[in-house]
Amino acid sequence: EFYNECGIPTSCLDYIEAHGTGTKAGDPPEISA
């Protein structure tokens, strides 16, 4: 929804600063998304 609304093509992205807490409960779902 975010990228559809802001109109920025995801192919233009170079880097994503993720939440990335280092927990096995949190990191896999985030990486998957």
ModelCIF file with pLDDT and N, C-alpha, C, O atoms, coordinates in Angstrom:
data_MODEL
#
_entry.id   MODEL 
#
_entity.id                         1 
_entity.type                       polymer 
_entity.pdbx_number_of_molecules   1 
#
_entity_poly.entity_id                      1 
_entity_poly.type                           'polypeptide(L)' 
_entity_poly.nstd_linkage                   no 
_entity_poly.nstd_monomer                   no 
_entity_poly.pdbx_seq_one_letter_code       EFYNECGIPTSCLDYIEAHGTGTKAGDPPEISA 
_entity_poly.pdbx_seq_one_letter_code_can   EFYNECGIPTSCLDYIEAHGTGTKAGDPPEISA 
_entity_poly.pdbx_strand_id                 A 
#
loop_
_entity_poly_seq.entity_id 
_entity_poly_seq.num 
_entity_poly_seq.mon_id 
_entity_poly_seq.hetero 
1 1  GLU n 
1 2  PHE n 
1 3  TYR n 
1 4  ASN n 
1 5  GLU n 
1 6  CYS n 
1 7  GLY n 
1 8  ILE n 
1 9  PRO n 
1 10 THR n 
1 11 SER n 
1 12 CYS n 
1 13 LEU n 
1 14 ASP n 
1 15 TYR n 
1 16 ILE n 
1 17 GLU n 
1 18 ALA n 
1 19 HIS n 
1 20 GLY n 
1 21 THR n 
1 22 GLY n 
1 23 THR n 
1 24 LYS n 
1 25 ALA n 
1 26 GLY n 
1 27 ASP n 
1 28 PRO n 
1 29 PRO n 
1 30 GLU n 
1 31 ILE n 
1 32 SER n 
1 33 ALA n 
#
_struct_asym.id          A 
_struct_asym.entity_id   1 
#
loop_
_ma_qa_metric.id 
_ma_qa_metric.mode 
_ma_qa_metric.name 
_ma_qa_metric.software_group_id 
_ma_qa_metric.type 
1 global pLDDT . pLDDT 
2 local  pLDDT . pLDDT 
#
_ma_qa_metric_global.metric_id      1 
_ma_qa_metric_global.metric_value   92.58 
_ma_qa_metric_global.model_id       1 
_ma_qa_metric_global.ordinal_id     1 
#
loop_
_ma_qa_metric_local.label_asym_id 
_ma_qa_metric_local.label_comp_id 
_ma_qa_metric_local.label_seq_id 
_ma_qa_metric_local.metric_id 
_ma_qa_metric_local.metric_value 
_ma_qa_metric_local.model_id 
_ma_qa_metric_local.ordinal_id 
A GLU 1  2 96.00 1 1  
A PHE 2  2 95.00 1 2  
A TYR 3  2 94.00 1 3  
A ASN 4  2 95.00 1 4  
A GLU 5  2 94.00 1 5  
A CYS 6  2 92.00 1 6  
A GLY 7  2 91.00 1 7  
A ILE 8  2 91.00 1 8  
A PRO 9  2 91.00 1 9  
A THR 10 2 91.00 1 10 
A SER 11 2 89.00 1 11 
A CYS 12 2 89.00 1 12 
A LEU 13 2 92.00 1 13 
A ASP 14 2 91.00 1 14 
A TYR 15 2 93.00 1 15 
A ILE 16 2 94.00 1 16 
A GLU 17 2 95.00 1 17 
A ALA 18 2 94.00 1 18 
A HIS 19 2 94.00 1 19 
A GLY 20 2 92.00 1 20 
A THR 21 2 91.00 1 21 
A GLY 22 2 90.00 1 22 
A THR 23 2 90.00 1 23 
A LYS 24 2 88.00 1 24 
A ALA 25 2 89.00 1 25 
A GLY 26 2 92.00 1 26 
A ASP 27 2 93.00 1 27 
A PRO 28 2 94.00 1 28 
A PRO 29 2 94.00 1 29 
A GLU 30 2 95.00 1 30 
A ILE 31 2 95.00 1 31 
A SER 32 2 95.00 1 32 
A ALA 33 2 96.00 1 33 
#
loop_
_atom_site.group_PDB 
_atom_site.id 
_atom_site.type_symbol 
_atom_site.label_atom_id 
_atom_site.label_alt_id 
_atom_site.label_comp_id 
_atom_site.label_asym_id 
_atom_site.label_entity_id 
_atom_site.label_seq_id 
_atom_site.pdbx_PDB_ins_code 
_atom_site.Cartn_x 
_atom_site.Cartn_y 
_atom_site.Cartn_z 
_atom_site.occupancy 
_atom_site.B_iso_or_equiv 
_atom_site.pdbx_formal_charge 
_atom_site.auth_seq_id 
_atom_site.auth_comp_id 
_atom_site.auth_asym_id 
_atom_site.auth_atom_id 
_atom_site.pdbx_PDB_model_num 
ATOM 1   N N  . GLU A 1 1  ? 0.828  -1.207  0.000  1.00 96.00 ? 1  GLU A N  1 
ATOM 2   C CA . GLU A 1 1  ? 0.000  0.000   0.000  1.00 96.00 ? 1  GLU A CA 1 
ATOM 3   C C  . GLU A 1 1  ? 0.862  1.256   0.000  1.00 96.00 ? 1  GLU A C  1 
ATOM 4   O O  . GLU A 1 1  ? 0.549  2.236   -0.676 1.00 96.00 ? 1  GLU A O  1 
ATOM 5   N N  . PHE A 1 2  ? 1.952  1.217   0.766  1.00 95.00 ? 2  PHE A N  1 
ATOM 6   C CA . PHE A 1 2  ? 2.826  2.393   0.859  1.00 95.00 ? 2  PHE A CA 1 
ATOM 7   C C  . PHE A 1 2  ? 3.382  2.775   -0.508 1.00 95.00 ? 2  PHE A C  1 
ATOM 8   O O  . PHE A 1 2  ? 3.275  3.929   -0.923 1.00 95.00 ? 2  PHE A O  1 
ATOM 9   N N  . TYR A 1 3  ? 3.978  1.808   -1.210 1.00 94.00 ? 3  TYR A N  1 
ATOM 10  C CA . TYR A 1 3  ? 4.618  2.131   -2.485 1.00 94.00 ? 3  TYR A CA 1 
ATOM 11  C C  . TYR A 1 3  ? 3.602  2.397   -3.588 1.00 94.00 ? 3  TYR A C  1 
ATOM 12  O O  . TYR A 1 3  ? 3.894  3.132   -4.531 1.00 94.00 ? 3  TYR A O  1 
ATOM 13  N N  . ASN A 1 4  ? 2.431  1.818   -3.485 1.00 95.00 ? 4  ASN A N  1 
ATOM 14  C CA . ASN A 1 4  ? 1.372  2.162   -4.438 1.00 95.00 ? 4  ASN A CA 1 
ATOM 15  C C  . ASN A 1 4  ? 0.913  3.603   -4.256 1.00 95.00 ? 4  ASN A C  1 
ATOM 16  O O  . ASN A 1 4  ? 0.623  4.296   -5.231 1.00 95.00 ? 4  ASN A O  1 
ATOM 17  N N  . GLU A 1 5  ? 0.849  4.052   -3.007 1.00 94.00 ? 5  GLU A N  1 
ATOM 18  C CA . GLU A 1 5  ? 0.370  5.405   -2.710 1.00 94.00 ? 5  GLU A CA 1 
ATOM 19  C C  . GLU A 1 5  ? 1.408  6.482   -3.017 1.00 94.00 ? 5  GLU A C  1 
ATOM 20  O O  . GLU A 1 5  ? 1.068  7.550   -3.526 1.00 94.00 ? 5  GLU A O  1 
ATOM 21  N N  . CYS A 1 6  ? 2.668  6.201   -2.706 1.00 92.00 ? 6  CYS A N  1 
ATOM 22  C CA . CYS A 1 6  ? 3.693  7.243   -2.883 1.00 92.00 ? 6  CYS A CA 1 
ATOM 23  C C  . CYS A 1 6  ? 4.210  7.308   -4.313 1.00 92.00 ? 6  CYS A C  1 
ATOM 24  O O  . CYS A 1 6  ? 4.842  8.290   -4.703 1.00 92.00 ? 6  CYS A O  1 
ATOM 25  N N  . GLY A 1 7  ? 3.944  6.266   -5.095 1.00 91.00 ? 7  GLY A N  1 
ATOM 26  C CA . GLY A 1 7  ? 4.317  6.295   -6.503 1.00 91.00 ? 7  GLY A CA 1 
ATOM 27  C C  . GLY A 1 7  ? 5.786  6.068   -6.783 1.00 91.00 ? 7  GLY A C  1 
ATOM 28  O O  . GLY A 1 7  ? 6.241  6.332   -7.896 1.00 91.00 ? 7  GLY A O  1 
ATOM 29  N N  . ILE A 1 8  ? 6.539  5.589   -5.814 1.00 91.00 ? 8  ILE A N  1 
ATOM 30  C CA . ILE A 1 8  ? 7.958  5.298   -6.020 1.00 91.00 ? 8  ILE A CA 1 
ATOM 31  C C  . ILE A 1 8  ? 8.107  3.834   -6.439 1.00 91.00 ? 8  ILE A C  1 
ATOM 32  O O  . ILE A 1 8  ? 7.728  2.948   -5.673 1.00 91.00 ? 8  ILE A O  1 
ATOM 33  N N  . PRO A 1 9  ? 8.641  3.553   -7.622 1.00 91.00 ? 9  PRO A N  1 
ATOM 34  C CA . PRO A 1 9  ? 8.809  2.161   -8.065 1.00 91.00 ? 9  PRO A CA 1 
ATOM 35  C C  . PRO A 1 9  ? 9.771  1.410   -7.142 1.00 91.00 ? 9  PRO A C  1 
ATOM 36  O O  . PRO A 1 9  ? 10.843 1.914   -6.808 1.00 91.00 ? 9  PRO A O  1 
ATOM 37  N N  . THR A 1 10 ? 9.387  0.234   -6.746 1.00 91.00 ? 10 THR A N  1 
ATOM 38  C CA . THR A 1 10 ? 10.252 -0.550  -5.851 1.00 91.00 ? 10 THR A CA 1 
ATOM 39  C C  . THR A 1 10 ? 11.564 -0.925  -6.530 1.00 91.00 ? 10 THR A C  1 
ATOM 40  O O  . THR A 1 10 ? 12.556 -1.199  -5.854 1.00 91.00 ? 10 THR A O  1 
ATOM 41  N N  . SER A 1 11 ? 11.576 -0.938  -7.865 1.00 89.00 ? 11 SER A N  1 
ATOM 42  C CA . SER A 1 11 ? 12.804 -1.263  -8.587 1.00 89.00 ? 11 SER A CA 1 
ATOM 43  C C  . SER A 1 11 ? 13.861 -0.177  -8.435 1.00 89.00 ? 11 SER A C  1 
ATOM 44  O O  . SER A 1 11 ? 15.037 -0.407  -8.717 1.00 89.00 ? 11 SER A O  1 
ATOM 45  N N  . CYS A 1 12 ? 13.438 1.017   -7.984 1.00 89.00 ? 12 CYS A N  1 
ATOM 46  C CA . CYS A 1 12 ? 14.373 2.135   -7.794 1.00 89.00 ? 12 CYS A CA 1 
ATOM 47  C C  . CYS A 1 12 ? 15.078 2.085   -6.446 1.00 89.00 ? 12 CYS A C  1 
ATOM 48  O O  . CYS A 1 12 ? 16.012 2.851   -6.210 1.00 89.00 ? 12 CYS A O  1 
ATOM 49  N N  . LEU A 1 13 ? 14.651 1.204   -5.570 1.00 92.00 ? 13 LEU A N  1 
ATOM 50  C CA . LEU A 1 13 ? 15.222 1.142   -4.230 1.00 92.00 ? 13 LEU A CA 1 
ATOM 51  C C  . LEU A 1 13 ? 16.611 0.522   -4.256 1.00 92.00 ? 13 LEU A C  1 
ATOM 52  O O  . LEU A 1 13 ? 16.831 -0.499  -4.906 1.00 92.00 ? 13 LEU A O  1 
ATOM 53  N N  . ASP A 1 14 ? 17.536 1.137   -3.553 1.00 91.00 ? 14 ASP A N  1 
ATOM 54  C CA . ASP A 1 14 ? 18.891 0.606   -3.431 1.00 91.00 ? 14 ASP A CA 1 
ATOM 55  C C  . ASP A 1 14 ? 19.119 -0.059  -2.077 1.00 91.00 ? 14 ASP A C  1 
ATOM 56  O O  . ASP A 1 14 ? 19.886 -1.015  -1.958 1.00 91.00 ? 14 ASP A O  1 
ATOM 57  N N  . TYR A 1 15 ? 18.432 0.472   -1.052 1.00 93.00 ? 15 TYR A N  1 
ATOM 58  C CA . TYR A 1 15 ? 18.707 0.003   0.311  1.00 93.00 ? 15 TYR A CA 1 
ATOM 59  C C  . TYR A 1 15 ? 17.451 0.119   1.176  1.00 93.00 ? 15 TYR A C  1 
ATOM 60  O O  . TYR A 1 15 ? 16.675 1.064   1.033  1.00 93.00 ? 15 TYR A O  1 
ATOM 61  N N  . ILE A 1 16 ? 17.261 -0.830  2.056  1.00 94.00 ? 16 ILE A N  1 
ATOM 62  C CA . ILE A 1 16 ? 16.165 -0.810  3.022  1.00 94.00 ? 16 ILE A CA 1 
ATOM 63  C C  . ILE A 1 16 ? 16.743 -0.922  4.431  1.00 94.00 ? 16 ILE A C  1 
ATOM 64  O O  . ILE A 1 16 ? 17.453 -1.879  4.740  1.00 94.00 ? 16 ILE A O  1 
ATOM 65  N N  . GLU A 1 17 ? 16.444 0.039   5.269  1.00 95.00 ? 17 GLU A N  1 
ATOM 66  C CA . GLU A 1 17 ? 16.809 -0.040  6.679  1.00 95.00 ? 17 GLU A CA 1 
ATOM 67  C C  . GLU A 1 17 ? 15.666 -0.753  7.401  1.00 95.00 ? 17 GLU A C  1 
ATOM 68  O O  . GLU A 1 17 ? 14.590 -0.183  7.587  1.00 95.00 ? 17 GLU A O  1 
ATOM 69  N N  . ALA A 1 18 ? 15.900 -1.973  7.796  1.00 94.00 ? 18 ALA A N  1 
ATOM 70  C CA . ALA A 1 18 ? 14.854 -2.819  8.366  1.00 94.00 ? 18 ALA A CA 1 
ATOM 71  C C  . ALA A 1 18 ? 14.817 -2.730  9.889  1.00 94.00 ? 18 ALA A C  1 
ATOM 72  O O  . ALA A 1 18 ? 15.738 -2.213  10.521 1.00 94.00 ? 18 ALA A O  1 
ATOM 73  N N  . HIS A 1 19 ? 13.733 -3.245  10.458 1.00 94.00 ? 19 HIS A N  1 
ATOM 74  C CA . HIS A 1 19 ? 13.605 -3.281  11.915 1.00 94.00 ? 19 HIS A CA 1 
ATOM 75  C C  . HIS A 1 19 ? 14.673 -4.210  12.488 1.00 94.00 ? 19 HIS A C  1 
ATOM 76  O O  . HIS A 1 19 ? 15.391 -3.828  13.412 1.00 94.00 ? 19 HIS A O  1 
ATOM 77  N N  . GLY A 1 20 ? 14.783 -5.409  11.956 1.00 92.00 ? 20 GLY A N  1 
ATOM 78  C CA . GLY A 1 20 ? 15.893 -6.330  12.215 1.00 92.00 ? 20 GLY A CA 1 
ATOM 79  C C  . GLY A 1 20 ? 16.391 -6.415  13.633 1.00 92.00 ? 20 GLY A C  1 
ATOM 80  O O  . GLY A 1 20 ? 17.469 -5.903  13.935 1.00 92.00 ? 20 GLY A O  1 
ATOM 81  N N  . THR A 1 21 ? 15.640 -7.045  14.515 1.00 91.00 ? 21 THR A N  1 
ATOM 82  C CA . THR A 1 21 ? 16.005 -7.083  15.932 1.00 91.00 ? 21 THR A CA 1 
ATOM 83  C C  . THR A 1 21 ? 16.955 -8.216  16.290 1.00 91.00 ? 21 THR A C  1 
ATOM 84  O O  . THR A 1 21 ? 17.497 -8.237  17.395 1.00 91.00 ? 21 THR A O  1 
ATOM 85  N N  . GLY A 1 22 ? 17.166 -9.153  15.383 1.00 90.00 ? 22 GLY A N  1 
ATOM 86  C CA . GLY A 1 22 ? 18.019 -10.285 15.713 1.00 90.00 ? 22 GLY A CA 1 
ATOM 87  C C  . GLY A 1 22 ? 17.286 -11.369 16.489 1.00 90.00 ? 22 GLY A C  1 
ATOM 88  O O  . GLY A 1 22 ? 17.918 -12.181 17.164 1.00 90.00 ? 22 GLY A O  1 
ATOM 89  N N  . THR A 1 23 ? 15.962 -11.390 16.402 1.00 90.00 ? 23 THR A N  1 
ATOM 90  C CA . THR A 1 23 ? 15.162 -12.428 17.064 1.00 90.00 ? 23 THR A CA 1 
ATOM 91  C C  . THR A 1 23 ? 14.589 -13.367 16.018 1.00 90.00 ? 23 THR A C  1 
ATOM 92  O O  . THR A 1 23 ? 14.275 -12.948 14.903 1.00 90.00 ? 23 THR A O  1 
ATOM 93  N N  . LYS A 1 24 ? 14.454 -14.625 16.374 1.00 88.00 ? 24 LYS A N  1 
ATOM 94  C CA . LYS A 1 24 ? 13.958 -15.615 15.429 1.00 88.00 ? 24 LYS A CA 1 
ATOM 95  C C  . LYS A 1 24 ? 12.457 -15.476 15.205 1.00 88.00 ? 24 LYS A C  1 
ATOM 96  O O  . LYS A 1 24 ? 11.914 -16.021 14.244 1.00 88.00 ? 24 LYS A O  1 
ATOM 97  N N  . ALA A 1 25 ? 11.795 -14.750 16.089 1.00 89.00 ? 25 ALA A N  1 
ATOM 98  C CA . ALA A 1 25 ? 10.364 -14.513 15.903 1.00 89.00 ? 25 ALA A CA 1 
ATOM 99  C C  . ALA A 1 25 ? 10.116 -13.338 14.969 1.00 89.00 ? 25 ALA A C  1 
ATOM 100 O O  . ALA A 1 25 ? 9.116  -13.320 14.250 1.00 89.00 ? 25 ALA A O  1 
ATOM 101 N N  . GLY A 1 26 ? 11.024 -12.345 14.971 1.00 92.00 ? 26 GLY A N  1 
ATOM 102 C CA . GLY A 1 26 ? 10.786 -11.125 14.224 1.00 92.00 ? 26 GLY A CA 1 
ATOM 103 C C  . GLY A 1 26 ? 11.447 -11.037 12.866 1.00 92.00 ? 26 GLY A C  1 
ATOM 104 O O  . GLY A 1 26 ? 10.849 -10.517 11.923 1.00 92.00 ? 26 GLY A O  1 
ATOM 105 N N  . ASP A 1 27 ? 12.684 -11.540 12.742 1.00 93.00 ? 27 ASP A N  1 
ATOM 106 C CA . ASP A 1 27 ? 13.430 -11.353 11.495 1.00 93.00 ? 27 ASP A CA 1 
ATOM 107 C C  . ASP A 1 27 ? 12.866 -12.124 10.298 1.00 93.00 ? 27 ASP A C  1 
ATOM 108 O O  . ASP A 1 27 ? 12.726 -11.533 9.227  1.00 93.00 ? 27 ASP A O  1 
ATOM 109 N N  . PRO A 1 28 ? 12.535 -13.414 10.428 1.00 94.00 ? 28 PRO A N  1 
ATOM 110 C CA . PRO A 1 28 ? 12.026 -14.153 9.260  1.00 94.00 ? 28 PRO A CA 1 
ATOM 111 C C  . PRO A 1 28 ? 10.758 -13.559 8.642  1.00 94.00 ? 28 PRO A C  1 
ATOM 112 O O  . PRO A 1 28 ? 10.694 -13.454 7.418  1.00 94.00 ? 28 PRO A O  1 
ATOM 113 N N  . PRO A 1 29 ? 9.734  -13.160 9.433  1.00 94.00 ? 29 PRO A N  1 
ATOM 114 C CA . PRO A 1 29 ? 8.562  -12.534 8.810  1.00 94.00 ? 29 PRO A CA 1 
ATOM 115 C C  . PRO A 1 29 ? 8.892  -11.230 8.091  1.00 94.00 ? 29 PRO A C  1 
ATOM 116 O O  . PRO A 1 29 ? 8.310  -10.927 7.050  1.00 94.00 ? 29 PRO A O  1 
ATOM 117 N N  . GLU A 1 30 ? 9.829  -10.456 8.648  1.00 95.00 ? 30 GLU A N  1 
ATOM 118 C CA . GLU A 1 30 ? 10.178 -9.193  8.014  1.00 95.00 ? 30 GLU A CA 1 
ATOM 119 C C  . GLU A 1 30 ? 10.912 -9.424  6.700  1.00 95.00 ? 30 GLU A C  1 
ATOM 120 O O  . GLU A 1 30 ? 10.623 -8.768  5.699  1.00 95.00 ? 30 GLU A O  1 
ATOM 121 N N  . ILE A 1 31 ? 11.862 -10.357 6.706  1.00 95.00 ? 31 ILE A N  1 
ATOM 122 C CA . ILE A 1 31 ? 12.591 -10.676 5.483  1.00 95.00 ? 31 ILE A CA 1 
ATOM 123 C C  . ILE A 1 31 ? 11.638 -11.207 4.419  1.00 95.00 ? 31 ILE A C  1 
ATOM 124 O O  . ILE A 1 31 ? 11.770 -10.880 3.239  1.00 95.00 ? 31 ILE A O  1 
ATOM 125 N N  . SER A 1 32 ? 10.685 -12.021 4.837  1.00 95.00 ? 32 SER A N  1 
ATOM 126 C CA . SER A 1 32 ? 9.714  -12.579 3.901  1.00 95.00 ? 32 SER A CA 1 
ATOM 127 C C  . SER A 1 32 ? 8.885  -11.478 3.243  1.00 95.00 ? 32 SER A C  1 
ATOM 128 O O  . SER A 1 32 ? 8.651  -11.506 2.034  1.00 95.00 ? 32 SER A O  1 
ATOM 129 N N  . ALA A 1 33 ? 8.441  -10.501 4.053  1.00 96.00 ? 33 ALA A N  1 
ATOM 130 C CA . ALA A 1 33 ? 7.637  -9.396  3.518  1.00 96.00 ? 33 ALA A CA 1 
ATOM 131 C C  . ALA A 1 33 ? 8.455  -8.553  2.549  1.00 96.00 ? 33 ALA A C  1 
ATOM 132 O O  . ALA A 1 33 ? 7.946  -7.577  1.998  1.00 96.00 ? 33 ALA A O  1 
#
